[in-house]
Each structure stands twice: as structure tokens, then as C-alpha cells.
Amino acid sequence: LGGRLVGMSPIAATVITLLASLLIGLEASSLRRWTYARNGRPARDAVV
């Protein structure tokens, strides 16, 4: 919506969407761990 309001070009909108998706891919596991900890299931161990 913000891109359309400011008249952003389709290429710039695609780049911004890809960057947002990249951030989501990087932080998805952290959000999942945070949600489990918030719901009473904290991290108890780490395995490699």
C-alpha cells in the first residue's frame, strides 16, 4: 500500500518485497523460539 501511495516503480517494489522476505527468512526461527518460550515451552537444550 505504501509503495502504491508514493508511486514506487514495480522494480523498486519487488526489491523491497524481496528484502522484507529475506528478513522474514532470517528471523522466522527466532520468532518461533520466542513464541514457544512465551507459551511456557522454553529452550531446554541445543543440539548440533
ModelCIF file with pLDDT and N, C-alpha, C, O atoms, coordinates in Angstrom:
data_MODEL
#
_entry.id   MODEL 
#
_entity.id                         1 
_entity.type                       polymer 
_entity.pdbx_number_of_molecules   1 
#
_entity_poly.entity_id                      1 
_entity_poly.type                           'polypeptide(L)' 
_entity_poly.nstd_linkage                   no 
_entity_poly.nstd_monomer                   no 
_entity_poly.pdbx_seq_one_letter_code       LGGRLVGMSPIAATVITLLASLLIGLEASSLRRWTYARNGRPARDAVV 
_entity_poly.pdbx_seq_one_letter_code_can   LGGRLVGMSPIAATVITLLASLLIGLEASSLRRWTYARNGRPARDAVV 
_entity_poly.pdbx_strand_id                 A 
#
loop_
_entity_poly_seq.entity_id 
_entity_poly_seq.num 
_entity_poly_seq.mon_id 
_entity_poly_seq.hetero 
1 1  LEU n 
1 2  GLY n 
1 3  GLY n 
1 4  ARG n 
1 5  LEU n 
1 6  VAL n 
1 7  GLY n 
1 8  MET n 
1 9  SER n 
1 10 PRO n 
1 11 ILE n 
1 12 ALA n 
1 13 ALA n 
1 14 THR n 
1 15 VAL n 
1 16 ILE n 
1 17 THR n 
1 18 LEU n 
1 19 LEU n 
1 20 ALA n 
1 21 SER n 
1 22 LEU n 
1 23 LEU n 
1 24 ILE n 
1 25 GLY n 
1 26 LEU n 
1 27 GLU n 
1 28 ALA n 
1 29 SER n 
1 30 SER n 
1 31 LEU n 
1 32 ARG n 
1 33 ARG n 
1 34 TRP n 
1 35 THR n 
1 36 TYR n 
1 37 ALA n 
1 38 ARG n 
1 39 ASN n 
1 40 GLY n 
1 41 ARG n 
1 42 PRO n 
1 43 ALA n 
1 44 ARG n 
1 45 ASP n 
1 46 ALA n 
1 47 VAL n 
1 48 VAL n 
#
_struct_asym.id          A 
_struct_asym.entity_id   1 
#
loop_
_ma_qa_metric.id 
_ma_qa_metric.mode 
_ma_qa_metric.name 
_ma_qa_metric.software_group_id 
_ma_qa_metric.type 
1 global pLDDT . pLDDT 
2 local  pLDDT . pLDDT 
#
_ma_qa_metric_global.metric_id      1 
_ma_qa_metric_global.metric_value   91.54 
_ma_qa_metric_global.model_id       1 
_ma_qa_metric_global.ordinal_id     1 
#
loop_
_ma_qa_metric_local.label_asym_id 
_ma_qa_metric_local.label_comp_id 
_ma_qa_metric_local.label_seq_id 
_ma_qa_metric_local.metric_id 
_ma_qa_metric_local.metric_value 
_ma_qa_metric_local.model_id 
_ma_qa_metric_local.ordinal_id 
A LEU 1  2 91.00 1 1  
A GLY 2  2 90.00 1 2  
A GLY 3  2 89.00 1 3  
A ARG 4  2 89.00 1 4  
A LEU 5  2 92.00 1 5  
A VAL 6  2 92.00 1 6  
A GLY 7  2 91.00 1 7  
A MET 8  2 89.00 1 8  
A SER 9  2 90.00 1 9  
A PRO 10 2 87.00 1 10 
A ILE 11 2 91.00 1 11 
A ALA 12 2 91.00 1 12 
A ALA 13 2 87.00 1 13 
A THR 14 2 88.00 1 14 
A VAL 15 2 92.00 1 15 
A ILE 16 2 91.00 1 16 
A THR 17 2 90.00 1 17 
A LEU 18 2 93.00 1 18 
A LEU 19 2 94.00 1 19 
A ALA 20 2 93.00 1 20 
A SER 21 2 94.00 1 21 
A LEU 22 2 96.00 1 22 
A LEU 23 2 95.00 1 23 
A ILE 24 2 94.00 1 24 
A GLY 25 2 95.00 1 25 
A LEU 26 2 95.00 1 26 
A GLU 27 2 93.00 1 27 
A ALA 28 2 94.00 1 28 
A SER 29 2 93.00 1 29 
A SER 30 2 93.00 1 30 
A LEU 31 2 91.00 1 31 
A ARG 32 2 93.00 1 32 
A ARG 33 2 94.00 1 33 
A TRP 34 2 91.00 1 34 
A THR 35 2 91.00 1 35 
A TYR 36 2 91.00 1 36 
A ALA 37 2 91.00 1 37 
A ARG 38 2 91.00 1 38 
A ASN 39 2 90.00 1 39 
A GLY 40 2 90.00 1 40 
A ARG 41 2 91.00 1 41 
A PRO 42 2 91.00 1 42 
A ALA 43 2 91.00 1 43 
A ARG 44 2 89.00 1 44 
A ASP 45 2 89.00 1 45 
A ALA 46 2 92.00 1 46 
A VAL 47 2 92.00 1 47 
A VAL 48 2 94.00 1 48 
#
loop_
_atom_site.group_PDB 
_atom_site.id 
_atom_site.type_symbol 
_atom_site.label_atom_id 
_atom_site.label_alt_id 
_atom_site.label_comp_id 
_atom_site.label_asym_id 
_atom_site.label_entity_id 
_atom_site.label_seq_id 
_atom_site.pdbx_PDB_ins_code 
_atom_site.Cartn_x 
_atom_site.Cartn_y 
_atom_site.Cartn_z 
_atom_site.occupancy 
_atom_site.B_iso_or_equiv 
_atom_site.pdbx_formal_charge 
_atom_site.auth_seq_id 
_atom_site.auth_comp_id 
_atom_site.auth_asym_id 
_atom_site.auth_atom_id 
_atom_site.pdbx_PDB_model_num 
ATOM 1   N N  . LEU A 1 1  ? 0.824  -1.208  0.000   1.00 91.00 ? 1  LEU A N  1 
ATOM 2   C CA . LEU A 1 1  ? 0.000  0.000   0.000   1.00 91.00 ? 1  LEU A CA 1 
ATOM 3   C C  . LEU A 1 1  ? 0.858  1.258   0.000   1.00 91.00 ? 1  LEU A C  1 
ATOM 4   O O  . LEU A 1 1  ? 0.571  2.210   -0.725  1.00 91.00 ? 1  LEU A O  1 
ATOM 5   N N  . GLY A 1 2  ? 1.903  1.262   0.807   1.00 90.00 ? 2  GLY A N  1 
ATOM 6   C CA . GLY A 1 2  ? 2.808  2.418   0.852   1.00 90.00 ? 2  GLY A CA 1 
ATOM 7   C C  . GLY A 1 2  ? 3.509  2.643   -0.474  1.00 90.00 ? 2  GLY A C  1 
ATOM 8   O O  . GLY A 1 2  ? 3.688  3.785   -0.899  1.00 90.00 ? 2  GLY A O  1 
ATOM 9   N N  . GLY A 1 3  ? 3.906  1.566   -1.127  1.00 89.00 ? 3  GLY A N  1 
ATOM 10  C CA . GLY A 1 3  ? 4.558  1.686   -2.434  1.00 89.00 ? 3  GLY A CA 1 
ATOM 11  C C  . GLY A 1 3  ? 3.630  2.274   -3.481  1.00 89.00 ? 3  GLY A C  1 
ATOM 12  O O  . GLY A 1 3  ? 4.049  3.082   -4.310  1.00 89.00 ? 3  GLY A O  1 
ATOM 13  N N  . ARG A 1 4  ? 2.374  1.869   -3.442  1.00 89.00 ? 4  ARG A N  1 
ATOM 14  C CA . ARG A 1 4  ? 1.416  2.416   -4.409  1.00 89.00 ? 4  ARG A CA 1 
ATOM 15  C C  . ARG A 1 4  ? 1.104  3.880   -4.122  1.00 89.00 ? 4  ARG A C  1 
ATOM 16  O O  . ARG A 1 4  ? 0.927  4.673   -5.047  1.00 89.00 ? 4  ARG A O  1 
ATOM 17  N N  . LEU A 1 5  ? 1.035  4.237   -2.841  1.00 92.00 ? 5  LEU A N  1 
ATOM 18  C CA . LEU A 1 5  ? 0.719  5.626   -2.487  1.00 92.00 ? 5  LEU A CA 1 
ATOM 19  C C  . LEU A 1 5  ? 1.812  6.594   -2.920  1.00 92.00 ? 5  LEU A C  1 
ATOM 20  O O  . LEU A 1 5  ? 1.514  7.717   -3.326  1.00 92.00 ? 5  LEU A O  1 
ATOM 21  N N  . VAL A 1 6  ? 3.068  6.178   -2.841  1.00 92.00 ? 6  VAL A N  1 
ATOM 22  C CA . VAL A 1 6  ? 4.163  7.077   -3.221  1.00 92.00 ? 6  VAL A CA 1 
ATOM 23  C C  . VAL A 1 6  ? 4.551  6.921   -4.686  1.00 92.00 ? 6  VAL A C  1 
ATOM 24  O O  . VAL A 1 6  ? 5.477  7.584   -5.155  1.00 92.00 ? 6  VAL A O  1 
ATOM 25  N N  . GLY A 1 7  ? 3.853  6.049   -5.416  1.00 91.00 ? 7  GLY A N  1 
ATOM 26  C CA . GLY A 1 7  ? 4.127  5.880   -6.841  1.00 91.00 ? 7  GLY A CA 1 
ATOM 27  C C  . GLY A 1 7  ? 5.442  5.180   -7.125  1.00 91.00 ? 7  GLY A C  1 
ATOM 28  O O  . GLY A 1 7  ? 6.155  5.544   -8.060  1.00 91.00 ? 7  GLY A O  1 
ATOM 29  N N  . MET A 1 8  ? 5.766  4.175   -6.320  1.00 89.00 ? 8  MET A N  1 
ATOM 30  C CA . MET A 1 8  ? 7.021  3.447   -6.473  1.00 89.00 ? 8  MET A CA 1 
ATOM 31  C C  . MET A 1 8  ? 7.000  2.609   -7.759  1.00 89.00 ? 8  MET A C  1 
ATOM 32  O O  . MET A 1 8  ? 5.964  2.064   -8.140  1.00 89.00 ? 8  MET A O  1 
ATOM 33  N N  . SER A 1 9  ? 8.134  2.519   -8.402  1.00 90.00 ? 9  SER A N  1 
ATOM 34  C CA . SER A 1 9  ? 8.227  1.708   -9.622  1.00 90.00 ? 9  SER A CA 1 
ATOM 35  C C  . SER A 1 9  ? 8.098  0.229   -9.272  1.00 90.00 ? 9  SER A C  1 
ATOM 36  O O  . SER A 1 9  ? 8.429  -0.161  -8.152  1.00 90.00 ? 9  SER A O  1 
ATOM 37  N N  . PRO A 1 10 ? 7.631  -0.595  -10.188 1.00 87.00 ? 10 PRO A N  1 
ATOM 38  C CA . PRO A 1 10 ? 7.483  -2.029  -9.909  1.00 87.00 ? 10 PRO A CA 1 
ATOM 39  C C  . PRO A 1 10 ? 8.802  -2.704  -9.537  1.00 87.00 ? 10 PRO A C  1 
ATOM 40  O O  . PRO A 1 10 ? 8.812  -3.627  -8.723  1.00 87.00 ? 10 PRO A O  1 
ATOM 41  N N  . ILE A 1 11 ? 9.904  -2.260  -10.117 1.00 91.00 ? 11 ILE A N  1 
ATOM 42  C CA . ILE A 1 11 ? 11.207 -2.863  -9.795  1.00 91.00 ? 11 ILE A CA 1 
ATOM 43  C C  . ILE A 1 11 ? 11.590 -2.553  -8.351  1.00 91.00 ? 11 ILE A C  1 
ATOM 44  O O  . ILE A 1 11 ? 12.047 -3.440  -7.629  1.00 91.00 ? 11 ILE A O  1 
ATOM 45  N N  . ALA A 1 12 ? 11.410 -1.313  -7.925  1.00 91.00 ? 12 ALA A N  1 
ATOM 46  C CA . ALA A 1 12 ? 11.721 -0.940  -6.549  1.00 91.00 ? 12 ALA A CA 1 
ATOM 47  C C  . ALA A 1 12 ? 10.811 -1.677  -5.568  1.00 91.00 ? 12 ALA A C  1 
ATOM 48  O O  . ALA A 1 12 ? 11.265 -2.110  -4.509  1.00 91.00 ? 12 ALA A O  1 
ATOM 49  N N  . ALA A 1 13 ? 9.527  -1.823  -5.913  1.00 87.00 ? 13 ALA A N  1 
ATOM 50  C CA . ALA A 1 13 ? 8.594  -2.548  -5.050  1.00 87.00 ? 13 ALA A CA 1 
ATOM 51  C C  . ALA A 1 13 ? 9.007  -4.016  -4.921  1.00 87.00 ? 13 ALA A C  1 
ATOM 52  O O  . ALA A 1 13 ? 8.917  -4.601  -3.841  1.00 87.00 ? 13 ALA A O  1 
ATOM 53  N N  . THR A 1 14 ? 9.459  -4.602  -6.030  1.00 88.00 ? 14 THR A N  1 
ATOM 54  C CA . THR A 1 14 ? 9.904  -6.002  -5.999  1.00 88.00 ? 14 THR A CA 1 
ATOM 55  C C  . THR A 1 14 ? 11.142 -6.156  -5.128  1.00 88.00 ? 14 THR A C  1 
ATOM 56  O O  . THR A 1 14 ? 11.241 -7.111  -4.358  1.00 88.00 ? 14 THR A O  1 
ATOM 57  N N  . VAL A 1 15 ? 12.084 -5.229  -5.239  1.00 92.00 ? 15 VAL A N  1 
ATOM 58  C CA . VAL A 1 15 ? 13.307 -5.286  -4.426  1.00 92.00 ? 15 VAL A CA 1 
ATOM 59  C C  . VAL A 1 15 ? 12.970 -5.153  -2.946  1.00 92.00 ? 15 VAL A C  1 
ATOM 60  O O  . VAL A 1 15 ? 13.510 -5.885  -2.117  1.00 92.00 ? 15 VAL A O  1 
ATOM 61  N N  . ILE A 1 16 ? 12.084 -4.228  -2.613  1.00 91.00 ? 16 ILE A N  1 
ATOM 62  C CA . ILE A 1 16 ? 11.707 -4.031  -1.204  1.00 91.00 ? 16 ILE A CA 1 
ATOM 63  C C  . ILE A 1 16 ? 10.975 -5.262  -0.674  1.00 91.00 ? 16 ILE A C  1 
ATOM 64  O O  . ILE A 1 16 ? 11.202 -5.669  0.466   1.00 91.00 ? 16 ILE A O  1 
ATOM 65  N N  . THR A 1 17 ? 10.112 -5.854  -1.476  1.00 90.00 ? 17 THR A N  1 
ATOM 66  C CA . THR A 1 17 ? 9.406  -7.067  -1.056  1.00 90.00 ? 17 THR A CA 1 
ATOM 67  C C  . THR A 1 17 ? 10.381 -8.230  -0.859  1.00 90.00 ? 17 THR A C  1 
ATOM 68  O O  . THR A 1 17 ? 10.243 -9.000  0.092   1.00 90.00 ? 17 THR A O  1 
ATOM 69  N N  . LEU A 1 18 ? 11.360 -8.359  -1.747  1.00 93.00 ? 18 LEU A N  1 
ATOM 70  C CA . LEU A 1 18 ? 12.375 -9.415  -1.587  1.00 93.00 ? 18 LEU A CA 1 
ATOM 71  C C  . LEU A 1 18 ? 13.220 -9.197  -0.332  1.00 93.00 ? 18 LEU A C  1 
ATOM 72  O O  . LEU A 1 18 ? 13.566 -10.153 0.362   1.00 93.00 ? 18 LEU A O  1 
ATOM 73  N N  . LEU A 1 19 ? 13.550 -7.943  -0.045  1.00 94.00 ? 19 LEU A N  1 
ATOM 74  C CA . LEU A 1 19 ? 14.314 -7.651  1.178   1.00 94.00 ? 19 LEU A CA 1 
ATOM 75  C C  . LEU A 1 19 ? 13.492 -7.963  2.424   1.00 94.00 ? 19 LEU A C  1 
ATOM 76  O O  . LEU A 1 19 ? 14.022 -8.491  3.402   1.00 94.00 ? 19 LEU A O  1 
ATOM 77  N N  . ALA A 1 20 ? 12.199 -7.640  2.394   1.00 93.00 ? 20 ALA A N  1 
ATOM 78  C CA . ALA A 1 20 ? 11.326 -7.972  3.527   1.00 93.00 ? 20 ALA A CA 1 
ATOM 79  C C  . ALA A 1 20 ? 11.222 -9.491  3.681   1.00 93.00 ? 20 ALA A C  1 
ATOM 80  O O  . ALA A 1 20 ? 11.248 -10.001 4.801   1.00 93.00 ? 20 ALA A O  1 
ATOM 81  N N  . SER A 1 21 ? 11.107 -10.211 2.573   1.00 94.00 ? 21 SER A N  1 
ATOM 82  C CA . SER A 1 21 ? 11.052 -11.674 2.629   1.00 94.00 ? 21 SER A CA 1 
ATOM 83  C C  . SER A 1 21 ? 12.366 -12.263 3.131   1.00 94.00 ? 21 SER A C  1 
ATOM 84  O O  . SER A 1 21 ? 12.366 -13.270 3.840   1.00 94.00 ? 21 SER A O  1 
ATOM 85  N N  . LEU A 1 22 ? 13.471 -11.646 2.769   1.00 96.00 ? 22 LEU A N  1 
ATOM 86  C CA . LEU A 1 22 ? 14.782 -12.077 3.271   1.00 96.00 ? 22 LEU A CA 1 
ATOM 87  C C  . LEU A 1 22 ? 14.850 -11.914 4.785   1.00 96.00 ? 22 LEU A C  1 
ATOM 88  O O  . LEU A 1 22 ? 15.328 -12.807 5.485   1.00 96.00 ? 22 LEU A O  1 
ATOM 89  N N  . LEU A 1 23 ? 14.381 -10.792 5.289   1.00 95.00 ? 23 LEU A N  1 
ATOM 90  C CA . LEU A 1 23 ? 14.345 -10.571 6.737   1.00 95.00 ? 23 LEU A CA 1 
ATOM 91  C C  . LEU A 1 23 ? 13.453 -11.600 7.424   1.00 95.00 ? 23 LEU A C  1 
ATOM 92  O O  . LEU A 1 23 ? 13.790 -12.106 8.494   1.00 95.00 ? 23 LEU A O  1 
ATOM 93  N N  . ILE A 1 24 ? 12.318 -11.908 6.808   1.00 94.00 ? 24 ILE A N  1 
ATOM 94  C CA . ILE A 1 24 ? 11.415 -12.915 7.369   1.00 94.00 ? 24 ILE A CA 1 
ATOM 95  C C  . ILE A 1 24 ? 12.101 -14.274 7.409   1.00 94.00 ? 24 ILE A C  1 
ATOM 96  O O  . ILE A 1 24 ? 11.999 -14.983 8.410   1.00 94.00 ? 24 ILE A O  1 
ATOM 97  N N  . GLY A 1 25 ? 12.795 -14.648 6.344   1.00 95.00 ? 25 GLY A N  1 
ATOM 98  C CA . GLY A 1 25 ? 13.516 -15.919 6.318   1.00 95.00 ? 25 GLY A CA 1 
ATOM 99  C C  . GLY A 1 25 ? 14.617 -16.001 7.363   1.00 95.00 ? 25 GLY A C  1 
ATOM 100 O O  . GLY A 1 25 ? 14.874 -17.066 7.924   1.00 95.00 ? 25 GLY A O  1 
ATOM 101 N N  . LEU A 1 26 ? 15.266 -14.872 7.623   1.00 95.00 ? 26 LEU A N  1 
ATOM 102 C CA . LEU A 1 26 ? 16.331 -14.846 8.631   1.00 95.00 ? 26 LEU A CA 1 
ATOM 103 C C  . LEU A 1 26 ? 15.793 -14.936 10.055  1.00 95.00 ? 26 LEU A C  1 
ATOM 104 O O  . LEU A 1 26 ? 16.417 -15.561 10.913  1.00 95.00 ? 26 LEU A O  1 
ATOM 105 N N  . GLU A 1 27 ? 14.646 -14.321 10.313  1.00 93.00 ? 27 GLU A N  1 
ATOM 106 C CA . GLU A 1 27 ? 14.138 -14.225 11.682  1.00 93.00 ? 27 GLU A CA 1 
ATOM 107 C C  . GLU A 1 27 ? 13.018 -15.208 12.007  1.00 93.00 ? 27 GLU A C  1 
ATOM 108 O O  . GLU A 1 27 ? 12.535 -15.213 13.139  1.00 93.00 ? 27 GLU A O  1 
ATOM 109 N N  . ALA A 1 28 ? 12.588 -16.035 11.064  1.00 94.00 ? 28 ALA A N  1 
ATOM 110 C CA . ALA A 1 28 ? 11.456 -16.938 11.294  1.00 94.00 ? 28 ALA A CA 1 
ATOM 111 C C  . ALA A 1 28 ? 11.726 -17.913 12.445  1.00 94.00 ? 28 ALA A C  1 
ATOM 112 O O  . ALA A 1 28 ? 10.855 -18.114 13.292  1.00 94.00 ? 28 ALA A O  1 
ATOM 113 N N  . SER A 1 29 ? 12.893 -18.510 12.490  1.00 93.00 ? 29 SER A N  1 
ATOM 114 C CA . SER A 1 29 ? 13.208 -19.462 13.563  1.00 93.00 ? 29 SER A CA 1 
ATOM 115 C C  . SER A 1 29 ? 13.263 -18.766 14.915  1.00 93.00 ? 29 SER A C  1 
ATOM 116 O O  . SER A 1 29 ? 12.838 -19.334 15.921  1.00 93.00 ? 29 SER A O  1 
ATOM 117 N N  . SER A 1 30 ? 13.779 -17.551 14.949  1.00 93.00 ? 30 SER A N  1 
ATOM 118 C CA . SER A 1 30 ? 13.830 -16.805 16.205  1.00 93.00 ? 30 SER A CA 1 
ATOM 119 C C  . SER A 1 30 ? 12.428 -16.467 16.695  1.00 93.00 ? 30 SER A C  1 
ATOM 120 O O  . SER A 1 30 ? 12.154 -16.540 17.893  1.00 93.00 ? 30 SER A O  1 
ATOM 121 N N  . LEU A 1 31 ? 11.538 -16.097 15.776  1.00 91.00 ? 31 LEU A N  1 
ATOM 122 C CA . LEU A 1 31 ? 10.153 -15.831 16.164  1.00 91.00 ? 31 LEU A CA 1 
ATOM 123 C C  . LEU A 1 31 ? 9.476  -17.099 16.676  1.00 91.00 ? 31 LEU A C  1 
ATOM 124 O O  . LEU A 1 31 ? 8.668  -17.049 17.603  1.00 91.00 ? 31 LEU A O  1 
ATOM 125 N N  . ARG A 1 32 ? 9.801  -18.202 16.082  1.00 93.00 ? 32 ARG A N  1 
ATOM 126 C CA . ARG A 1 32 ? 9.238  -19.480 16.531  1.00 93.00 ? 32 ARG A CA 1 
ATOM 127 C C  . ARG A 1 32 ? 9.730  -19.828 17.929  1.00 93.00 ? 32 ARG A C  1 
ATOM 128 O O  . ARG A 1 32 ? 8.942  -20.244 18.778  1.00 93.00 ? 32 ARG A O  1 
ATOM 129 N N  . ARG A 1 33 ? 11.033 -19.661 18.176  1.00 94.00 ? 33 ARG A N  1 
ATOM 130 C CA . ARG A 1 33 ? 11.577 -19.925 19.516  1.00 94.00 ? 33 ARG A CA 1 
ATOM 131 C C  . ARG A 1 33 ? 10.985 -18.981 20.550  1.00 94.00 ? 33 ARG A C  1 
ATOM 132 O O  . ARG A 1 33 ? 10.667 -19.397 21.665  1.00 94.00 ? 33 ARG A O  1 
ATOM 133 N N  . TRP A 1 34 ? 10.833 -17.703 20.184  1.00 91.00 ? 34 TRP A N  1 
ATOM 134 C CA . TRP A 1 34 ? 10.274 -16.711 21.097  1.00 91.00 ? 34 TRP A CA 1 
ATOM 135 C C  . TRP A 1 34 ? 8.840  -17.079 21.455  1.00 91.00 ? 34 TRP A C  1 
ATOM 136 O O  . TRP A 1 34 ? 8.442  -16.961 22.614  1.00 91.00 ? 34 TRP A O  1 
ATOM 137 N N  . THR A 1 35 ? 8.066  -17.519 20.478  1.00 91.00 ? 35 THR A N  1 
ATOM 138 C CA . THR A 1 35 ? 6.672  -17.892 20.729  1.00 91.00 ? 35 THR A CA 1 
ATOM 139 C C  . THR A 1 35 ? 6.590  -19.101 21.645  1.00 91.00 ? 35 THR A C  1 
ATOM 140 O O  . THR A 1 35 ? 5.754  -19.129 22.549  1.00 91.00 ? 35 THR A O  1 
ATOM 141 N N  . TYR A 1 36 ? 7.438  -20.100 21.433  1.00 91.00 ? 36 TYR A N  1 
ATOM 142 C CA . TYR A 1 36 ? 7.442  -21.265 22.316  1.00 91.00 ? 36 TYR A CA 1 
ATOM 143 C C  . TYR A 1 36 ? 7.815  -20.857 23.741  1.00 91.00 ? 36 TYR A C  1 
ATOM 144 O O  . TYR A 1 36 ? 7.194  -21.327 24.694  1.00 91.00 ? 36 TYR A O  1 
ATOM 145 N N  . ALA A 1 37 ? 8.802  -20.005 23.901  1.00 91.00 ? 37 ALA A N  1 
ATOM 146 C CA . ALA A 1 37 ? 9.203  -19.567 25.241  1.00 91.00 ? 37 ALA A CA 1 
ATOM 147 C C  . ALA A 1 37 ? 8.082  -18.771 25.910  1.00 91.00 ? 37 ALA A C  1 
ATOM 148 O O  . ALA A 1 37 ? 7.851  -18.911 27.111  1.00 91.00 ? 37 ALA A O  1 
ATOM 149 N N  . ARG A 1 38 ? 7.393  -17.947 25.145  1.00 91.00 ? 38 ARG A N  1 
ATOM 150 C CA . ARG A 1 38 ? 6.301  -17.137 25.686  1.00 91.00 ? 38 ARG A CA 1 
ATOM 151 C C  . ARG A 1 38 ? 5.131  -18.023 26.108  1.00 91.00 ? 38 ARG A C  1 
ATOM 152 O O  . ARG A 1 38 ? 4.400  -17.675 27.035  1.00 91.00 ? 38 ARG A O  1 
ATOM 153 N N  . ASN A 1 39 ? 4.948  -19.147 25.449  1.00 90.00 ? 39 ASN A N  1 
ATOM 154 C CA . ASN A 1 39 ? 3.852  -20.064 25.759  1.00 90.00 ? 39 ASN A CA 1 
ATOM 155 C C  . ASN A 1 39 ? 4.245  -21.158 26.747  1.00 90.00 ? 39 ASN A C  1 
ATOM 156 O O  . ASN A 1 39 ? 3.565  -22.181 26.830  1.00 90.00 ? 39 ASN A O  1 
ATOM 157 N N  . GLY A 1 40 ? 5.317  -20.964 27.489  1.00 90.00 ? 40 GLY A N  1 
ATOM 158 C CA . GLY A 1 40 ? 5.700  -21.919 28.529  1.00 90.00 ? 40 GLY A CA 1 
ATOM 159 C C  . GLY A 1 40 ? 6.491  -23.112 28.041  1.00 90.00 ? 40 GLY A C  1 
ATOM 160 O O  . GLY A 1 40 ? 6.491  -24.156 28.692  1.00 90.00 ? 40 GLY A O  1 
ATOM 161 N N  . ARG A 1 41 ? 7.163  -22.982 26.913  1.00 91.00 ? 41 ARG A N  1 
ATOM 162 C CA . ARG A 1 41 ? 7.999  -24.064 26.394  1.00 91.00 ? 41 ARG A CA 1 
ATOM 163 C C  . ARG A 1 41 ? 9.379  -23.505 26.066  1.00 91.00 ? 41 ARG A C  1 
ATOM 164 O O  . ARG A 1 41 ? 9.730  -23.388 24.892  1.00 91.00 ? 41 ARG A O  1 
ATOM 165 N N  . PRO A 1 42 ? 10.164 -23.158 27.078  1.00 91.00 ? 42 PRO A N  1 
ATOM 166 C CA . PRO A 1 42 ? 11.476 -22.551 26.804  1.00 91.00 ? 42 PRO A CA 1 
ATOM 167 C C  . PRO A 1 42 ? 12.455 -23.552 26.203  1.00 91.00 ? 42 PRO A C  1 
ATOM 168 O O  . PRO A 1 42 ? 12.251 -24.764 26.269  1.00 91.00 ? 42 PRO A O  1 
ATOM 169 N N  . ALA A 1 43 ? 13.508 -23.026 25.624  1.00 91.00 ? 43 ALA A N  1 
ATOM 170 C CA . ALA A 1 43 ? 14.577 -23.878 25.082  1.00 91.00 ? 43 ALA A CA 1 
ATOM 171 C C  . ALA A 1 43 ? 15.292 -24.537 26.246  1.00 91.00 ? 43 ALA A C  1 
ATOM 172 O O  . ALA A 1 43 ? 15.779 -23.856 27.148  1.00 91.00 ? 43 ALA A O  1 
ATOM 173 N N  . ARG A 1 44 ? 15.356 -25.857 26.227  1.00 89.00 ? 44 ARG A N  1 
ATOM 174 C CA . ARG A 1 44 ? 15.973 -26.592 27.323  1.00 89.00 ? 44 ARG A CA 1 
ATOM 175 C C  . ARG A 1 44 ? 17.331 -27.164 26.955  1.00 89.00 ? 44 ARG A C  1 
ATOM 176 O O  . ARG A 1 44 ? 18.119 -27.521 27.830  1.00 89.00 ? 44 ARG A O  1 
ATOM 177 N N  . ASP A 1 45 ? 17.604 -27.250 25.647  1.00 89.00 ? 45 ASP A N  1 
ATOM 178 C CA . ASP A 1 45 ? 18.867 -27.827 25.206  1.00 89.00 ? 45 ASP A CA 1 
ATOM 179 C C  . ASP A 1 45 ? 19.112 -27.386 23.769  1.00 89.00 ? 45 ASP A C  1 
ATOM 180 O O  . ASP A 1 45 ? 18.189 -26.951 23.079  1.00 89.00 ? 45 ASP A O  1 
ATOM 181 N N  . ALA A 1 46 ? 20.335 -27.497 23.330  1.00 92.00 ? 46 ALA A N  1 
ATOM 182 C CA . ALA A 1 46 ? 20.702 -27.208 21.945  1.00 92.00 ? 46 ALA A CA 1 
ATOM 183 C C  . ALA A 1 46 ? 21.547 -28.363 21.439  1.00 92.00 ? 46 ALA A C  1 
ATOM 184 O O  . ALA A 1 46 ? 22.426 -28.862 22.142  1.00 92.00 ? 46 ALA A O  1 
ATOM 185 N N  . VAL A 1 47 ? 21.270 -28.782 20.208  1.00 92.00 ? 47 VAL A N  1 
ATOM 186 C CA . VAL A 1 47 ? 21.961 -29.923 19.610  1.00 92.00 ? 47 VAL A CA 1 
ATOM 187 C C  . VAL A 1 47 ? 22.496 -29.496 18.251  1.00 92.00 ? 47 VAL A C  1 
ATOM 188 O O  . VAL A 1 47 ? 21.824 -28.775 17.513  1.00 92.00 ? 47 VAL A O  1 
ATOM 189 N N  . VAL A 1 48 ? 23.693 -29.936 17.924  1.00 94.00 ? 48 VAL A N  1 
ATOM 190 C CA . VAL A 1 48 ? 24.283 -29.684 16.607  1.00 94.00 ? 48 VAL A CA 1 
ATOM 191 C C  . VAL A 1 48 ? 24.223 -30.976 15.820  1.00 94.00 ? 48 VAL A C  1 
ATOM 192 O O  . VAL A 1 48 ? 24.662 -31.020 14.670  1.00 94.00 ? 48 VAL A O  1 
#
